[in-house]
N, C-alpha and C. Protein backbone atom coordinates (compact mmCIF):
# COMPACT_ATOMS: atom_id res chain seq x y z
N MET A 1 -10.96 2.39 3.20
CA MET A 1 -10.45 1.95 1.62
C MET A 1 -11.55 0.92 1.37
N ARG A 2 -12.15 1.17 0.25
CA ARG A 2 -13.14 0.03 -0.61
C ARG A 2 -12.41 -0.66 -1.83
N LEU A 3 -12.82 -1.75 -1.85
CA LEU A 3 -12.67 -2.59 -3.10
C LEU A 3 -13.84 -2.20 -4.07
N ASN A 4 -13.10 -1.93 -5.30
CA ASN A 4 -14.12 -1.78 -6.82
C ASN A 4 -14.92 -3.09 -6.78
N ASN A 5 -16.20 -2.84 -7.12
CA ASN A 5 -16.92 -3.76 -7.52
C ASN A 5 -16.80 -4.53 -9.05
N THR A 6 -17.00 -5.98 -9.28
CA THR A 6 -16.67 -6.47 -10.27
C THR A 6 -17.73 -7.57 -10.47
N GLN A 7 -17.75 -7.88 -11.90
CA GLN A 7 -18.73 -8.95 -12.19
C GLN A 7 -18.13 -10.13 -12.30
N ASN A 8 -16.92 -10.24 -12.61
CA ASN A 8 -16.17 -11.48 -12.66
C ASN A 8 -15.90 -12.03 -11.57
N ARG A 9 -16.35 -13.67 -11.56
CA ARG A 9 -16.34 -14.45 -10.32
C ARG A 9 -15.20 -14.89 -9.60
N GLN A 10 -14.02 -14.98 -10.82
CA GLN A 10 -12.89 -15.39 -10.18
C GLN A 10 -12.09 -14.06 -9.48
N THR A 11 -12.22 -12.84 -10.11
CA THR A 11 -11.53 -11.93 -9.51
C THR A 11 -12.32 -11.68 -8.16
N VAL A 12 -13.82 -11.70 -8.13
CA VAL A 12 -14.37 -11.45 -6.68
C VAL A 12 -13.79 -12.39 -5.68
N GLU A 13 -13.47 -13.72 -5.96
CA GLU A 13 -13.06 -14.68 -5.43
C GLU A 13 -11.54 -14.45 -4.64
N GLU A 14 -10.79 -14.07 -5.79
CA GLU A 14 -9.49 -13.62 -5.56
C GLU A 14 -9.59 -12.40 -4.29
N ILE A 15 -10.25 -11.41 -4.59
CA ILE A 15 -10.19 -10.15 -3.71
C ILE A 15 -10.58 -10.86 -2.38
N LYS A 16 -11.61 -11.81 -2.42
CA LYS A 16 -11.99 -12.35 -0.97
C LYS A 16 -10.58 -12.92 -0.29
N GLU A 17 -10.37 -13.82 -0.81
CA GLU A 17 -8.88 -14.43 -0.40
C GLU A 17 -8.03 -13.41 -0.11
N PHE A 18 -7.57 -12.67 -0.72
CA PHE A 18 -6.83 -11.46 -0.14
C PHE A 18 -7.20 -10.72 0.83
N GLY A 19 -8.37 -10.32 1.01
CA GLY A 19 -9.20 -9.35 2.36
C GLY A 19 -8.89 -10.68 3.58
N ASP A 20 -9.15 -11.75 3.38
CA ASP A 20 -8.99 -12.61 4.37
C ASP A 20 -7.74 -13.12 4.90
N TRP A 21 -6.69 -12.98 3.80
CA TRP A 21 -5.32 -13.05 4.38
C TRP A 21 -4.73 -11.80 5.07
N ILE A 22 -5.32 -10.70 4.67
CA ILE A 22 -4.64 -9.16 5.32
C ILE A 22 -5.54 -9.18 6.78
N LEU A 23 -6.65 -9.76 6.85
CA LEU A 23 -7.09 -9.64 8.16
C LEU A 23 -6.45 -10.85 8.97
N LYS A 24 -6.58 -11.96 8.39
CA LYS A 24 -5.60 -13.00 9.33
C LYS A 24 -4.42 -12.52 9.92
N ILE A 25 -3.60 -11.70 9.12
CA ILE A 25 -2.12 -11.02 9.55
C ILE A 25 -2.45 -10.01 10.46
N GLY A 26 -3.38 -9.33 10.66
CA GLY A 26 -3.88 -8.27 10.99
C GLY A 26 -4.49 -8.53 12.58
N ASP A 27 -5.06 -9.78 12.61
CA ASP A 27 -5.62 -10.32 13.71
C ASP A 27 -4.79 -11.28 14.48
N ARG A 28 -3.48 -11.10 13.98
CA ARG A 28 -2.56 -12.35 14.74
C ARG A 28 -2.67 -13.57 14.67
N GLU A 29 -3.68 -14.13 13.29
CA GLU A 29 -3.95 -15.33 13.67
C GLU A 29 -3.04 -16.62 12.64
N MET A 30 -1.87 -15.78 12.26
CA MET A 30 -0.79 -16.61 11.81
C MET A 30 0.04 -17.38 12.69
N ASP A 31 0.85 -18.46 12.16
CA ASP A 31 1.37 -19.33 13.34
C ASP A 31 2.28 -18.22 13.87
N LEU A 32 2.50 -18.18 15.33
CA LEU A 32 3.42 -17.25 15.82
C LEU A 32 4.39 -18.47 16.65
N ASN A 33 5.44 -17.90 16.72
CA ASN A 33 6.73 -18.49 17.28
C ASN A 33 6.52 -17.95 18.91
N GLU A 34 7.79 -18.60 19.95
CA GLU A 34 7.37 -17.97 21.16
C GLU A 34 7.77 -16.53 21.50
N ASN A 35 8.11 -15.85 20.43
CA ASN A 35 8.30 -14.37 20.71
C ASN A 35 6.94 -13.63 20.29
N SER A 36 6.06 -14.57 19.90
CA SER A 36 4.89 -13.84 18.85
C SER A 36 5.39 -13.45 17.29
N GLU A 37 6.12 -13.78 17.21
CA GLU A 37 6.43 -13.36 15.80
C GLU A 37 6.09 -14.22 14.72
N SER A 38 6.01 -14.13 13.60
CA SER A 38 5.58 -14.90 12.63
C SER A 38 6.14 -14.54 11.13
N MET A 39 6.45 -15.57 10.23
CA MET A 39 6.86 -15.36 9.15
C MET A 39 5.62 -15.23 8.10
N VAL A 40 5.34 -14.13 7.36
CA VAL A 40 4.67 -14.02 6.31
C VAL A 40 5.25 -14.00 5.21
N GLU A 41 4.56 -14.77 4.17
CA GLU A 41 5.15 -14.88 2.92
C GLU A 41 4.30 -14.07 1.95
N ILE A 42 4.81 -13.11 0.99
CA ILE A 42 4.28 -11.89 0.38
C ILE A 42 4.00 -12.58 -1.00
N PRO A 43 2.86 -12.69 -1.29
CA PRO A 43 2.56 -13.41 -2.76
C PRO A 43 3.82 -12.63 -3.89
N GLN A 44 4.23 -13.31 -4.82
CA GLN A 44 5.03 -12.44 -5.87
C GLN A 44 4.08 -11.38 -6.39
N GLN A 45 3.00 -11.42 -6.80
CA GLN A 45 2.41 -10.36 -7.44
C GLN A 45 2.43 -9.09 -6.67
N LEU A 46 2.54 -9.11 -5.52
CA LEU A 46 2.58 -7.99 -4.57
C LEU A 46 3.75 -7.31 -4.27
N LEU A 47 4.71 -8.02 -4.66
CA LEU A 47 5.86 -7.54 -4.54
C LEU A 47 6.74 -6.39 -5.52
N ILE A 48 7.44 -5.30 -5.22
CA ILE A 48 7.95 -4.68 -6.13
C ILE A 48 9.19 -4.81 -6.69
N LEU A 49 9.31 -5.33 -7.64
CA LEU A 49 10.58 -5.92 -7.99
C LEU A 49 11.47 -4.78 -9.02
N ASN A 50 12.91 -5.28 -8.88
CA ASN A 50 13.74 -4.61 -10.06
C ASN A 50 13.27 -2.89 -10.34
N THR A 51 13.51 -2.17 -9.42
CA THR A 51 13.06 -0.80 -9.61
C THR A 51 14.39 0.19 -8.55
N TYR A 52 14.43 0.81 -9.01
CA TYR A 52 15.82 1.91 -8.50
C TYR A 52 15.21 2.32 -7.04
N SER A 53 13.96 2.89 -7.21
CA SER A 53 13.41 3.26 -5.87
C SER A 53 11.71 2.53 -5.42
N PRO A 54 11.89 1.74 -4.83
CA PRO A 54 10.61 1.12 -4.44
C PRO A 54 9.57 1.82 -4.17
N LEU A 55 10.04 2.75 -2.96
CA LEU A 55 8.97 3.64 -2.29
C LEU A 55 8.16 4.68 -3.45
N MET A 56 9.32 5.05 -4.54
CA MET A 56 8.53 6.03 -5.56
C MET A 56 7.67 5.22 -6.34
N SER A 57 8.13 3.81 -6.50
CA SER A 57 7.14 2.85 -7.52
C SER A 57 5.86 2.73 -6.78
N LEU A 58 5.78 2.55 -5.36
CA LEU A 58 4.61 2.37 -4.93
C LEU A 58 3.84 3.53 -4.62
N ILE A 59 4.45 4.53 -4.53
CA ILE A 59 3.68 5.80 -4.74
C ILE A 59 3.11 6.29 -6.09
N GLN A 60 3.58 6.04 -6.92
CA GLN A 60 3.11 6.11 -8.63
C GLN A 60 2.21 5.06 -8.88
N PHE A 61 2.06 3.66 -7.83
CA PHE A 61 1.07 3.20 -8.18
C PHE A 61 -0.16 3.50 -7.38
N VAL A 62 -0.22 4.10 -6.22
CA VAL A 62 -1.24 4.04 -5.18
C VAL A 62 -1.64 5.37 -5.87
N TYR A 63 -0.97 6.53 -6.23
CA TYR A 63 -1.24 7.69 -6.53
C TYR A 63 -0.65 8.16 -7.46
N PRO A 64 -1.11 7.82 -8.83
CA PRO A 64 -0.18 8.30 -10.25
C PRO A 64 -0.77 9.64 -10.44
N ASP A 65 0.39 10.09 -10.92
CA ASP A 65 0.52 11.86 -10.94
C ASP A 65 0.10 12.25 -9.81
N PHE A 66 0.82 12.19 -8.74
CA PHE A 66 0.46 12.88 -7.42
C PHE A 66 0.62 14.20 -7.43
N VAL A 67 2.02 14.68 -7.76
CA VAL A 67 2.24 16.25 -7.80
C VAL A 67 1.07 17.04 -8.48
N LEU A 68 0.54 16.24 -9.68
CA LEU A 68 -0.36 16.97 -10.60
C LEU A 68 -1.79 16.77 -10.00
N HIS A 69 -2.23 15.99 -9.22
CA HIS A 69 -3.42 15.97 -8.82
C HIS A 69 -4.06 16.43 -7.23
N MET A 70 -2.65 16.42 -6.49
CA MET A 70 -2.65 16.44 -5.26
C MET A 70 -3.65 17.65 -4.44
N ARG A 71 -3.99 18.65 -5.54
CA ARG A 71 -4.93 19.59 -4.87
C ARG A 71 -6.52 19.38 -4.96
N SER A 72 -6.66 17.97 -5.76
CA SER A 72 -8.30 17.66 -5.72
C SER A 72 -8.43 17.12 -4.55
N HIS A 73 -9.49 17.56 -4.11
CA HIS A 73 -10.00 16.86 -2.92
C HIS A 73 -10.68 15.57 -2.71
N SER A 74 -10.76 14.76 -3.79
CA SER A 74 -10.89 13.33 -3.90
C SER A 74 -9.86 12.66 -4.55
N TYR A 75 -8.85 12.96 -4.68
CA TYR A 75 -7.76 12.52 -5.21
C TYR A 75 -7.26 11.32 -4.14
N PHE A 76 -7.29 11.50 -3.00
CA PHE A 76 -6.83 10.78 -1.81
C PHE A 76 -7.77 9.54 -1.65
N ASP A 77 -9.12 9.57 -2.19
CA ASP A 77 -10.00 8.67 -1.36
C ASP A 77 -9.83 7.20 -2.00
N ASP A 78 -9.59 7.20 -2.94
CA ASP A 78 -9.34 5.84 -3.72
C ASP A 78 -7.89 4.82 -3.58
N GLY A 79 -7.10 5.54 -2.59
CA GLY A 79 -5.69 4.85 -2.42
C GLY A 79 -5.18 5.15 -0.93
N ALA A 80 -4.53 3.98 -0.60
CA ALA A 80 -4.21 4.30 0.88
C ALA A 80 -2.70 3.45 0.75
N ILE A 81 -1.61 4.00 1.77
CA ILE A 81 -0.38 3.04 1.91
C ILE A 81 -0.39 2.66 3.11
N LEU A 82 -0.38 1.36 3.51
CA LEU A 82 -0.38 0.85 4.69
C LEU A 82 0.93 0.56 5.26
N CYS A 83 1.12 0.95 6.35
CA CYS A 83 2.74 0.83 6.86
C CYS A 83 2.43 0.01 8.36
N PRO A 84 3.29 -0.93 8.61
CA PRO A 84 3.50 -1.74 9.64
C PRO A 84 3.88 -1.05 10.83
N THR A 85 4.80 0.17 10.90
CA THR A 85 5.32 0.86 12.08
C THR A 85 5.27 2.31 11.91
N TYR A 86 5.00 3.10 12.82
CA TYR A 86 5.35 4.65 12.71
C TYR A 86 6.23 4.95 12.16
N ASP A 87 7.51 4.30 12.06
CA ASP A 87 8.68 4.69 11.45
C ASP A 87 8.65 4.52 9.99
N CYS A 88 7.92 3.40 9.48
CA CYS A 88 7.47 3.32 7.96
C CYS A 88 6.78 4.47 7.65
N VAL A 89 5.46 4.63 8.44
CA VAL A 89 4.81 6.13 8.15
C VAL A 89 5.49 7.09 7.67
N LYS A 90 6.22 7.57 8.96
CA LYS A 90 7.20 8.77 8.78
C LYS A 90 7.84 8.84 7.58
N GLU A 91 8.53 7.85 7.07
CA GLU A 91 9.24 7.71 5.92
C GLU A 91 8.36 8.08 4.68
N VAL A 92 7.20 7.45 4.65
CA VAL A 92 6.31 7.77 3.62
C VAL A 92 5.85 8.84 3.37
N ASN A 93 5.55 9.46 4.53
CA ASN A 93 4.95 10.77 4.88
C ASN A 93 6.10 12.08 4.27
N ASP A 94 7.40 11.39 4.87
CA ASP A 94 8.47 12.51 4.43
C ASP A 94 9.22 12.33 2.93
N PHE A 95 8.71 11.59 2.64
CA PHE A 95 9.38 11.13 1.15
C PHE A 95 7.97 11.65 0.21
N MET A 96 6.77 11.77 0.22
CA MET A 96 5.84 12.51 -0.18
C MET A 96 5.87 13.92 -0.06
N LEU A 97 6.00 14.52 1.21
CA LEU A 97 6.32 15.92 1.39
C LEU A 97 7.63 16.39 0.48
N SER A 98 8.64 15.49 0.52
CA SER A 98 9.87 16.02 -0.38
C SER A 98 9.42 16.19 -1.94
N LEU A 99 8.35 15.17 -2.28
CA LEU A 99 7.91 15.45 -3.68
C LEU A 99 7.09 17.06 -4.00
N LEU A 100 6.36 17.28 -2.66
CA LEU A 100 5.87 18.40 -2.68
C LEU A 100 6.62 19.88 -2.86
N SER A 101 7.73 19.18 -2.01
CA SER A 101 8.79 20.69 -1.64
C SER A 101 9.46 20.89 -3.45
N GLU A 102 9.71 19.95 -3.76
CA GLU A 102 10.47 19.94 -5.31
C GLU A 102 9.51 20.43 -6.14
N LYS A 103 8.34 20.36 -6.09
CA LYS A 103 7.33 21.12 -6.81
C LYS A 103 7.00 22.48 -6.69
N LEU A 104 7.05 22.47 -5.32
CA LEU A 104 6.81 24.10 -5.06
C LEU A 104 7.99 24.80 -5.22
N ARG A 105 9.11 24.61 -5.62
CA ARG A 105 10.42 25.24 -5.53
C ARG A 105 10.68 25.64 -7.03
N ILE A 106 9.76 25.22 -8.13
CA ILE A 106 9.95 25.23 -9.16
C ILE A 106 9.00 26.68 -9.97
């Protein structure tokens, strides 16, 4: 995954801070308790709020018009849905496959 280039200094700094925050979580550099667990506060602007289907909202955000563009070789190059567990990966994959199944039945 790559970040888009920008000329806005404030945006560049926000992207850097976000990247550092994600790396800190991934490198387990957060404050851990005795069970090696940590509470991570997700910034408000990253949350999906007030939606009937949060997973569908996430997919529409990362892959707009997924069913229309799924055959394009480069469509998936600019997005990724990261999951913390295999169960989450399976849930996202199953959901996206169900979208394909619905489209293929038409």
